[in-house]
Amino acid sequence: MKVLVVHESYLQSGGEDRAVEADVHLLRSRGHEVLEYRRDNREVGSYGYVRLGLTTIWSHSSYRELTRLVTEERPDIVHFHNTLPLISPAGFWAAKRAGSTVIQTLHNYRLVCPNAVLFRNGEVCEECLHWAVPLPGVLHGCYRESRPATAAITAMLVAHRVIGTWQQAVDAFITLTEFQTKKLVAGGIPESKVIVRPNFVEPDPGLGPGDGGYALFVGRLTAEKGVVTLLRAWQQLPEQIPLLLVGDGPLAESVSSAAEENEAISYLGPQTNDRVLELMRRAAILVFPSLWYEGFGITIIEAFATGLPVVAVGTGAASEIVKDGDTGLLVPPGDSHALGGAVSRLFRNDRLRKRMRAACRREYFEKYTGERAYHRLIEVYRRALDATPSKTTS
């Protein structure tokens, strides 16, 4: 099977970029021919505001380039990931009109929320789910705290709803969890085209000894990731539990200050994935305090793969992935006392952690290995191809 993967890289690489690379490697390692069409958000700096806004709605350059590429290479599948802003949904039409089957993985909530995260002013926000034209997002300036920028995203969403892009130019949508699916369908994504396929970890990083005696946070240092709640929880802990934080972002300075004031906190900055997995193998607990509806949270299944129990906020993907009392503990969003209490309880209970470590490894093997992800992806491809019986694959 020949697959063309289409993706626009982010300014700061994160989970979505990693997920795309993982899928490309997954397919190639199983003998499939994989082509790639890439754009990079760093190109945005050369665009003026008007040109960028128009490109967000319909990118003529990406449409031409993808039309040529699909026409020449004749891939069986064109698999899209991020298209904002330089590829745009015009890419779907280019691939579809050139005769390919079109798949779109939805890593976030962009198609129903201008800001993509259903999060505003420190809390979950679902206002735009109930509007055909997501005007609340524009009024609040949700995207990059800019009304003009949010208006451009909104115009894109409305234009492609009107011309039927999601219904006519995309053969199947891949979502990461049932929770995410429900929100996207509530916002207008056709349920009949949605297939759930979780992220995965390959190769298996292996069970660690869990002997490091510390809790670990890995992720973007932003408000929606629950960093403020996490730091507050450590201020309130009645005992000294070492906390290591890995990542970068707008709240990096706050994290550095907290580390200077509290000797239990260590800020390691951004680290390589190999280093993160090494830290996970030795950690006692992974803390996942995210406040927004995470699309998935690869960090959680990396923790499972290394046998690391997770203390997480029970919203979004985490509420579906972490089994409370089995692979970790769930707490209410924004509740620093509950978060700290769960960490203390698990940190002190060696027997409970040992049982959870075994449960985490079982969960990884049952749901999140590369082999399981591969078979699920091929299932999605074949289901979409069945709608176009003239196609043949190998």
Protein backbone atom coordinates (compact mmCIF):
# COMPACT_ATOMS: atom_id res chain seq x y z
CA MET A 1 0.00 0.00 0.00
CA LYS A 2 1.29 3.44 -0.92
CA VAL A 3 0.51 6.17 1.63
CA LEU A 4 1.09 9.91 1.38
CA VAL A 5 1.37 11.52 4.82
CA VAL A 6 0.55 15.23 4.96
CA HIS A 7 1.51 17.33 7.97
CA GLU A 8 2.39 20.88 8.94
CA SER A 9 4.96 20.91 11.74
CA TYR A 10 4.47 23.17 14.76
CA LEU A 11 6.81 25.95 15.86
CA GLN A 12 7.50 24.02 19.04
CA SER A 13 7.48 20.29 18.44
CA GLY A 14 5.11 18.36 20.64
CA GLY A 15 3.01 15.24 20.89
CA GLU A 16 1.32 15.62 17.51
CA ASP A 17 4.59 15.93 15.61
CA ARG A 18 5.88 12.86 17.46
CA ALA A 19 2.71 10.92 16.65
CA VAL A 20 3.11 11.68 12.94
CA GLU A 21 6.73 10.50 12.94
CA ALA A 22 5.68 7.35 14.78
CA ASP A 23 3.02 6.53 12.17
CA VAL A 24 5.44 7.09 9.30
CA HIS A 25 7.98 4.75 10.90
CA LEU A 26 5.26 2.23 11.74
CA LEU A 27 4.14 1.96 8.11
CA ARG A 28 7.64 1.86 6.63
CA SER A 29 8.77 -0.79 9.09
CA ARG A 30 5.89 -3.00 7.89
CA GLY A 31 6.89 -2.68 4.23
CA HIS A 32 4.59 0.09 2.99
CA GLU A 33 5.76 2.85 0.69
CA VAL A 34 5.34 6.17 2.50
CA LEU A 35 5.63 9.55 0.80
CA GLU A 36 5.53 12.81 2.75
CA TYR A 37 4.27 16.31 2.02
CA ARG A 38 5.40 18.70 4.73
CA ARG A 39 4.98 22.36 5.56
CA ASP A 40 6.45 24.12 8.58
CA ASN A 41 4.85 26.78 10.79
CA ARG A 42 8.12 28.71 10.63
CA GLU A 43 7.14 29.74 7.10
CA VAL A 44 4.31 31.83 8.58
CA GLY A 45 6.71 34.66 9.41
CA SER A 46 7.05 35.53 5.72
CA TYR A 47 3.28 36.02 5.32
CA GLY A 48 1.40 39.26 5.89
CA TYR A 49 -1.81 39.21 7.94
CA VAL A 50 -4.16 39.34 4.96
CA ARG A 51 -2.30 36.72 2.96
CA LEU A 52 -2.07 34.42 5.98
CA GLY A 53 -5.77 34.78 6.71
CA LEU A 54 -6.71 33.90 3.13
CA THR A 55 -4.25 31.00 3.09
CA THR A 56 -5.80 29.62 6.28
CA ILE A 57 -9.11 29.33 4.42
CA TRP A 58 -7.72 28.05 1.12
CA SER A 59 -4.04 27.53 0.34
CA HIS A 60 -3.63 27.71 -3.43
CA SER A 61 0.04 26.69 -3.26
CA SER A 62 -0.63 23.57 -1.22
CA TYR A 63 -3.60 22.71 -3.42
CA ARG A 64 -1.42 22.88 -6.55
CA GLU A 65 1.46 20.96 -5.01
CA LEU A 66 -0.72 18.21 -3.58
CA THR A 67 -2.68 17.89 -6.82
CA ARG A 68 0.57 17.38 -8.73
CA LEU A 69 1.98 14.97 -6.15
CA VAL A 70 -1.14 12.81 -5.92
CA THR A 71 -1.58 12.78 -9.69
CA GLU A 72 2.02 11.69 -10.27
CA GLU A 73 2.41 9.21 -7.39
CA ARG A 74 -1.14 7.80 -7.20
CA PRO A 75 -1.09 6.92 -3.50
CA ASP A 76 -3.81 4.62 -2.22
CA ILE A 77 -4.25 6.75 0.89
CA VAL A 78 -3.55 10.41 1.64
CA HIS A 79 -3.35 10.70 5.42
CA PHE A 80 -3.60 14.23 6.81
CA HIS A 81 -2.62 15.45 10.26
CA ASN A 82 -2.19 19.18 10.98
CA THR A 83 -3.14 21.49 8.10
CA LEU A 84 -3.15 24.91 9.86
CA PRO A 85 -2.51 27.38 8.35
CA LEU A 86 -0.34 26.76 5.27
CA ILE A 87 -1.85 23.53 3.94
CA SER A 88 -5.47 24.36 4.83
CA PRO A 89 -8.47 22.12 4.10
CA ALA A 90 -7.82 22.81 0.40
CA GLY A 91 -5.42 19.88 0.71
CA PHE A 92 -8.33 17.50 1.29
CA TRP A 93 -9.96 18.61 -1.94
CA ALA A 94 -6.71 18.34 -3.89
CA ALA A 95 -6.24 14.73 -2.81
CA LYS A 96 -9.88 13.80 -3.27
CA ARG A 97 -10.23 15.36 -6.73
CA ALA A 98 -7.00 13.66 -7.82
CA GLY A 99 -8.54 10.29 -6.98
CA SER A 100 -7.13 9.30 -3.58
CA THR A 101 -8.85 8.13 -0.43
CA VAL A 102 -8.54 10.81 2.26
CA ILE A 103 -7.96 10.19 5.97
CA GLN A 104 -7.71 12.90 8.63
CA THR A 105 -6.36 12.26 12.13
CA LEU A 106 -7.83 14.74 14.59
CA HIS A 107 -5.25 15.26 17.32
CA ASN A 108 -7.21 18.09 18.96
CA TYR A 109 -10.54 19.94 18.68
CA ARG A 110 -9.62 22.38 15.89
CA LEU A 111 -12.62 21.56 13.70
CA VAL A 112 -15.07 22.57 16.44
CA CYS A 113 -13.04 25.13 18.43
CA PRO A 114 -10.98 28.01 16.96
CA ASN A 115 -8.39 27.54 19.72
CA ALA A 116 -8.38 23.75 19.28
CA VAL A 117 -8.33 22.98 23.02
CA LEU A 118 -11.84 23.78 24.37
CA PHE A 119 -10.15 25.81 27.09
CA ARG A 120 -10.38 29.50 28.00
CA ASN A 121 -9.46 31.65 31.00
CA GLY A 122 -8.12 28.72 32.98
CA GLU A 123 -11.08 26.39 32.54
CA VAL A 124 -12.84 24.16 30.04
CA CYS A 125 -14.99 26.04 27.52
CA GLU A 126 -17.50 24.44 25.15
CA GLU A 127 -19.32 27.57 23.98
CA CYS A 128 -18.45 27.17 20.30
CA LEU A 129 -19.71 23.58 20.17
CA HIS A 130 -23.25 24.92 20.06
CA TRP A 131 -22.78 27.58 17.37
CA ALA A 132 -22.89 27.00 13.60
CA VAL A 133 -20.61 30.04 13.41
CA PRO A 134 -18.27 29.93 16.44
CA LEU A 135 -18.61 33.62 17.25
CA PRO A 136 -17.81 33.26 20.98
CA GLY A 137 -14.26 32.30 20.05
CA VAL A 138 -13.90 35.47 17.97
CA LEU A 139 -15.35 37.68 20.69
CA HIS A 140 -12.95 36.21 23.25
CA GLY A 141 -9.99 36.22 20.87
CA CYS A 142 -9.30 32.61 21.82
CA TYR A 143 -6.65 31.85 19.19
CA ARG A 144 -3.35 33.48 20.17
CA GLU A 145 -5.37 36.03 22.20
CA SER A 146 -6.17 37.79 18.92
CA ARG A 147 -9.61 38.50 17.50
CA PRO A 148 -8.31 38.92 13.91
CA ALA A 149 -6.39 35.61 14.10
CA THR A 150 -9.39 33.86 15.65
CA ALA A 151 -11.62 35.36 12.96
CA ALA A 152 -9.40 33.80 10.29
CA ILE A 153 -9.72 30.35 11.90
CA THR A 154 -13.47 30.85 12.28
CA ALA A 155 -13.81 31.88 8.64
CA MET A 156 -11.99 28.68 7.65
CA LEU A 157 -14.28 26.53 9.77
CA VAL A 158 -17.45 28.19 8.49
CA ALA A 159 -16.37 28.17 4.83
CA HIS A 160 -15.61 24.45 4.87
CA ARG A 161 -18.78 23.62 6.71
CA VAL A 162 -20.72 25.48 4.03
CA ILE A 163 -19.01 23.74 1.09
CA GLY A 164 -19.22 20.35 2.81
CA THR A 165 -15.51 19.58 3.15
CA TRP A 166 -15.86 17.30 6.17
CA GLN A 167 -18.69 15.36 4.53
CA GLN A 168 -17.43 15.19 0.93
CA ALA A 169 -13.64 15.53 0.86
CA VAL A 170 -12.70 13.33 3.84
CA ASP A 171 -13.43 9.60 3.75
CA ALA A 172 -12.60 8.85 7.40
CA PHE A 173 -11.63 10.73 10.53
CA ILE A 174 -9.37 9.12 13.10
CA THR A 175 -9.92 10.23 16.69
CA LEU A 176 -7.82 9.20 19.67
CA THR A 177 -10.47 8.47 22.31
CA GLU A 178 -14.20 7.96 22.67
CA PHE A 179 -14.30 11.11 24.79
CA GLN A 180 -12.80 13.20 21.99
CA THR A 181 -15.18 11.63 19.50
CA LYS A 182 -18.24 12.71 21.49
CA LYS A 183 -17.09 16.32 21.60
CA LEU A 184 -16.23 16.45 17.89
CA VAL A 185 -19.51 14.86 16.87
CA ALA A 186 -21.37 17.33 19.10
CA GLY A 187 -19.62 20.07 17.13
CA GLY A 188 -20.74 18.71 13.76
CA ILE A 189 -18.18 16.14 12.61
CA PRO A 190 -20.07 13.28 10.87
CA GLU A 191 -20.17 10.38 13.33
CA SER A 192 -20.43 7.77 10.57
CA LYS A 193 -16.94 8.68 9.39
CA VAL A 194 -15.21 8.60 12.78
CA ILE A 195 -12.99 5.70 13.89
CA VAL A 196 -11.16 5.65 17.24
CA ARG A 197 -7.49 4.70 17.13
CA PRO A 198 -5.28 5.45 20.17
CA ASN A 199 -1.69 6.58 20.03
CA PHE A 200 1.01 4.01 20.73
CA VAL A 201 4.57 3.51 21.92
CA GLU A 202 7.10 1.60 19.84
CA PRO A 203 9.55 0.13 20.57
CA ASP A 204 8.69 -1.08 24.04
CA PRO A 205 10.90 0.99 26.39
CA GLY A 206 10.80 -1.79 28.97
CA LEU A 207 9.81 -2.02 32.60
CA GLY A 208 11.95 0.17 34.84
CA PRO A 209 13.01 -0.47 38.44
CA GLY A 210 10.95 2.46 39.78
CA ASP A 211 13.64 3.08 42.38
CA GLY A 212 14.23 6.81 41.88
CA GLY A 213 12.05 8.00 44.74
CA TYR A 214 10.58 10.97 42.84
CA ALA A 215 7.42 12.13 41.10
CA LEU A 216 7.71 13.25 37.47
CA PHE A 217 5.94 15.79 35.27
CA VAL A 218 6.55 15.81 31.51
CA GLY A 219 4.86 18.29 29.19
CA ARG A 220 4.40 21.82 27.94
CA LEU A 221 4.62 24.36 30.73
CA THR A 222 1.29 26.05 30.08
CA ALA A 223 -1.84 26.90 32.07
CA GLU A 224 -3.99 24.24 30.40
CA LYS A 225 -1.46 21.57 31.37
CA GLY A 226 -2.22 22.26 35.03
CA VAL A 227 1.26 23.48 35.92
CA VAL A 228 -0.04 26.09 38.38
CA THR A 229 -2.13 23.46 40.19
CA LEU A 230 0.90 21.17 40.32
CA LEU A 231 3.18 23.80 41.86
CA ARG A 232 0.50 24.78 44.35
CA ALA A 233 0.05 21.13 45.35
CA TRP A 234 3.77 20.87 46.13
CA GLN A 235 3.59 23.98 48.30
CA GLN A 236 0.84 22.30 50.33
CA LEU A 237 2.37 18.84 50.73
CA PRO A 238 2.97 17.95 54.40
CA GLU A 239 6.04 15.93 53.40
CA GLN A 240 9.03 16.35 51.10
CA ILE A 241 8.39 14.40 47.90
CA PRO A 242 10.94 15.14 45.16
CA LEU A 243 9.33 16.45 41.97
CA LEU A 244 11.16 16.58 38.64
CA LEU A 245 9.65 18.71 35.87
CA VAL A 246 10.58 18.23 32.21
CA GLY A 247 9.46 20.59 29.47
CA ASP A 248 9.37 24.16 28.25
CA GLY A 249 6.77 26.82 27.64
CA PRO A 250 5.32 30.13 28.83
CA LEU A 251 5.40 29.11 32.50
CA ALA A 252 9.05 28.05 32.50
CA GLU A 253 10.05 31.09 34.57
CA SER A 254 7.40 30.30 37.17
CA VAL A 255 8.64 26.73 37.39
CA SER A 256 12.23 27.90 37.77
CA SER A 257 11.20 30.25 40.57
CA ALA A 258 9.30 27.47 42.32
CA ALA A 259 12.37 25.25 42.10
CA GLU A 260 14.49 27.97 43.72
CA GLU A 261 12.00 28.39 46.56
CA ASN A 262 11.23 24.72 47.19
CA GLU A 263 14.12 22.27 47.41
CA ALA A 264 11.80 19.37 46.65
CA ILE A 265 11.24 20.74 43.12
CA SER A 266 13.81 20.32 40.33
CA TYR A 267 13.32 21.87 36.88
CA LEU A 268 15.20 19.92 34.20
CA GLY A 269 14.04 21.90 31.17
CA PRO A 270 13.38 20.15 27.84
CA GLN A 271 14.90 16.69 27.47
CA THR A 272 15.25 14.11 24.69
CA ASN A 273 12.67 11.36 24.51
CA ASP A 274 15.30 8.78 25.47
CA ARG A 275 16.10 10.78 28.60
CA VAL A 276 12.39 11.13 29.43
CA LEU A 277 11.91 7.38 29.18
CA GLU A 278 14.94 6.85 31.41
CA LEU A 279 13.41 9.19 34.00
CA MET A 280 10.10 7.35 33.72
CA ARG A 281 11.70 3.96 34.29
CA ARG A 282 13.06 5.16 37.64
CA ALA A 283 10.21 7.42 38.78
CA ALA A 284 7.67 6.44 41.42
CA ILE A 285 4.74 8.41 39.98
CA LEU A 286 3.89 10.36 36.84
CA VAL A 287 1.80 13.46 37.61
CA PHE A 288 -0.57 14.48 34.81
CA PRO A 289 -2.57 17.50 36.08
CA SER A 290 -3.82 18.73 32.70
CA LEU A 291 -6.97 20.87 32.91
CA TRP A 292 -8.02 20.82 29.26
CA TYR A 293 -9.56 17.92 27.33
CA GLU A 294 -6.29 16.37 26.20
CA GLY A 295 -6.57 14.78 22.77
CA PHE A 296 -4.70 11.78 24.11
CA GLY A 297 -1.54 12.29 26.14
CA ILE A 298 1.27 10.09 24.80
CA THR A 299 3.08 10.71 28.09
CA ILE A 300 0.55 8.53 29.90
CA ILE A 301 1.06 5.48 27.71
CA GLU A 302 4.83 5.96 27.82
CA ALA A 303 4.42 5.78 31.59
CA PHE A 304 2.34 2.61 31.26
CA ALA A 305 5.00 1.05 29.04
CA THR A 306 7.65 1.64 31.70
CA GLY A 307 5.38 0.44 34.52
CA LEU A 308 4.84 3.92 35.97
CA PRO A 309 1.52 4.65 37.76
CA VAL A 310 -0.18 7.95 36.91
CA VAL A 311 -1.90 10.52 39.11
CA ALA A 312 -4.09 12.44 36.66
CA VAL A 313 -6.94 14.89 36.49
CA GLY A 314 -10.07 12.95 35.63
CA THR A 315 -11.11 14.93 32.54
CA GLY A 316 -10.63 14.42 28.83
CA ALA A 317 -8.45 11.58 27.58
CA ALA A 318 -6.98 10.86 31.01
CA SER A 319 -10.39 9.90 32.37
CA GLU A 320 -10.59 7.23 29.68
CA ILE A 321 -6.97 6.03 29.68
CA VAL A 322 -6.18 5.92 33.41
CA LYS A 323 -8.19 3.38 35.39
CA ASP A 324 -8.71 4.84 38.84
CA GLY A 325 -7.27 2.53 41.49
CA ASP A 326 -5.73 0.21 38.88
CA THR A 327 -3.20 2.06 36.68
CA GLY A 328 -3.29 5.24 38.72
CA LEU A 329 -5.45 7.70 40.63
CA LEU A 330 -7.84 10.33 39.26
CA VAL A 331 -8.53 13.69 40.93
CA PRO A 332 -10.83 16.66 40.17
CA PRO A 333 -9.47 19.41 37.88
CA GLY A 334 -7.73 22.34 39.54
CA ASP A 335 -7.89 20.81 43.03
CA SER A 336 -4.36 21.12 44.38
CA HIS A 337 -5.26 19.50 47.71
CA ALA A 338 -6.72 16.44 45.99
CA LEU A 339 -3.74 16.24 43.65
CA GLY A 340 -1.24 16.43 46.49
CA GLY A 341 -3.24 13.97 48.57
CA ALA A 342 -3.29 11.40 45.75
CA VAL A 343 0.44 11.80 45.19
CA SER A 344 1.16 11.36 48.92
CA ARG A 345 -1.09 8.32 49.17
CA LEU A 346 0.54 6.57 46.24
CA PHE A 347 4.08 7.63 47.12
CA ARG A 348 3.79 6.19 50.63
CA ASN A 349 2.15 2.91 49.61
CA ASP A 350 4.81 0.64 48.12
CA ARG A 351 2.39 -2.28 47.84
CA LEU A 352 -0.16 -0.26 45.89
CA ARG A 353 2.50 1.10 43.54
CA LYS A 354 3.83 -2.39 42.89
CA ARG A 355 0.37 -3.63 41.96
CA MET A 356 -0.23 -0.62 39.73
CA ARG A 357 3.14 -1.05 38.00
CA ALA A 358 2.10 -4.52 36.88
CA ALA A 359 -1.32 -3.22 35.79
CA CYS A 360 0.30 -0.45 33.74
CA ARG A 361 2.42 -2.93 31.81
CA ARG A 362 -0.62 -5.12 31.12
CA GLU A 363 -2.55 -2.10 29.87
CA TYR A 364 0.30 -1.17 27.54
CA PHE A 365 0.50 -4.64 25.99
CA GLU A 366 -3.27 -4.92 25.65
CA LYS A 367 -3.88 -1.55 23.98
CA TYR A 368 -0.87 0.59 23.08
CA THR A 369 1.84 -1.43 21.33
CA GLY A 370 3.00 -0.64 17.82
CA GLU A 371 1.62 -3.92 16.50
CA ARG A 372 -1.87 -3.18 17.78
CA ALA A 373 -1.69 0.36 16.40
CA TYR A 374 -0.57 -0.93 13.01
CA HIS A 375 -3.43 -3.36 12.63
CA ARG A 376 -5.91 -0.69 13.69
CA LEU A 377 -4.50 1.78 11.16
CA ILE A 378 -4.70 -0.73 8.32
CA GLU A 379 -8.26 -1.47 9.39
CA VAL A 380 -9.08 2.24 9.08
CA TYR A 381 -7.43 2.42 5.65
CA ARG A 382 -9.24 -0.63 4.32
CA ARG A 383 -12.59 0.57 5.64
CA ALA A 384 -12.10 3.87 3.82
CA LEU A 385 -10.89 2.14 0.66
CA ASP A 386 -13.99 -0.05 0.64
CA ALA A 387 -15.98 3.07 -0.15
CA THR A 388 -14.01 3.39 -3.40
CA PRO A 389 -14.11 -0.17 -4.83
CA SER A 390 -12.23 0.79 -8.01
CA LYS A 391 -9.06 1.12 -5.94
CA THR A 392 -6.65 -1.79 -5.60
CA THR A 393 -3.99 -2.04 -2.91
CA SER A 394 -0.99 -4.18 -2.16
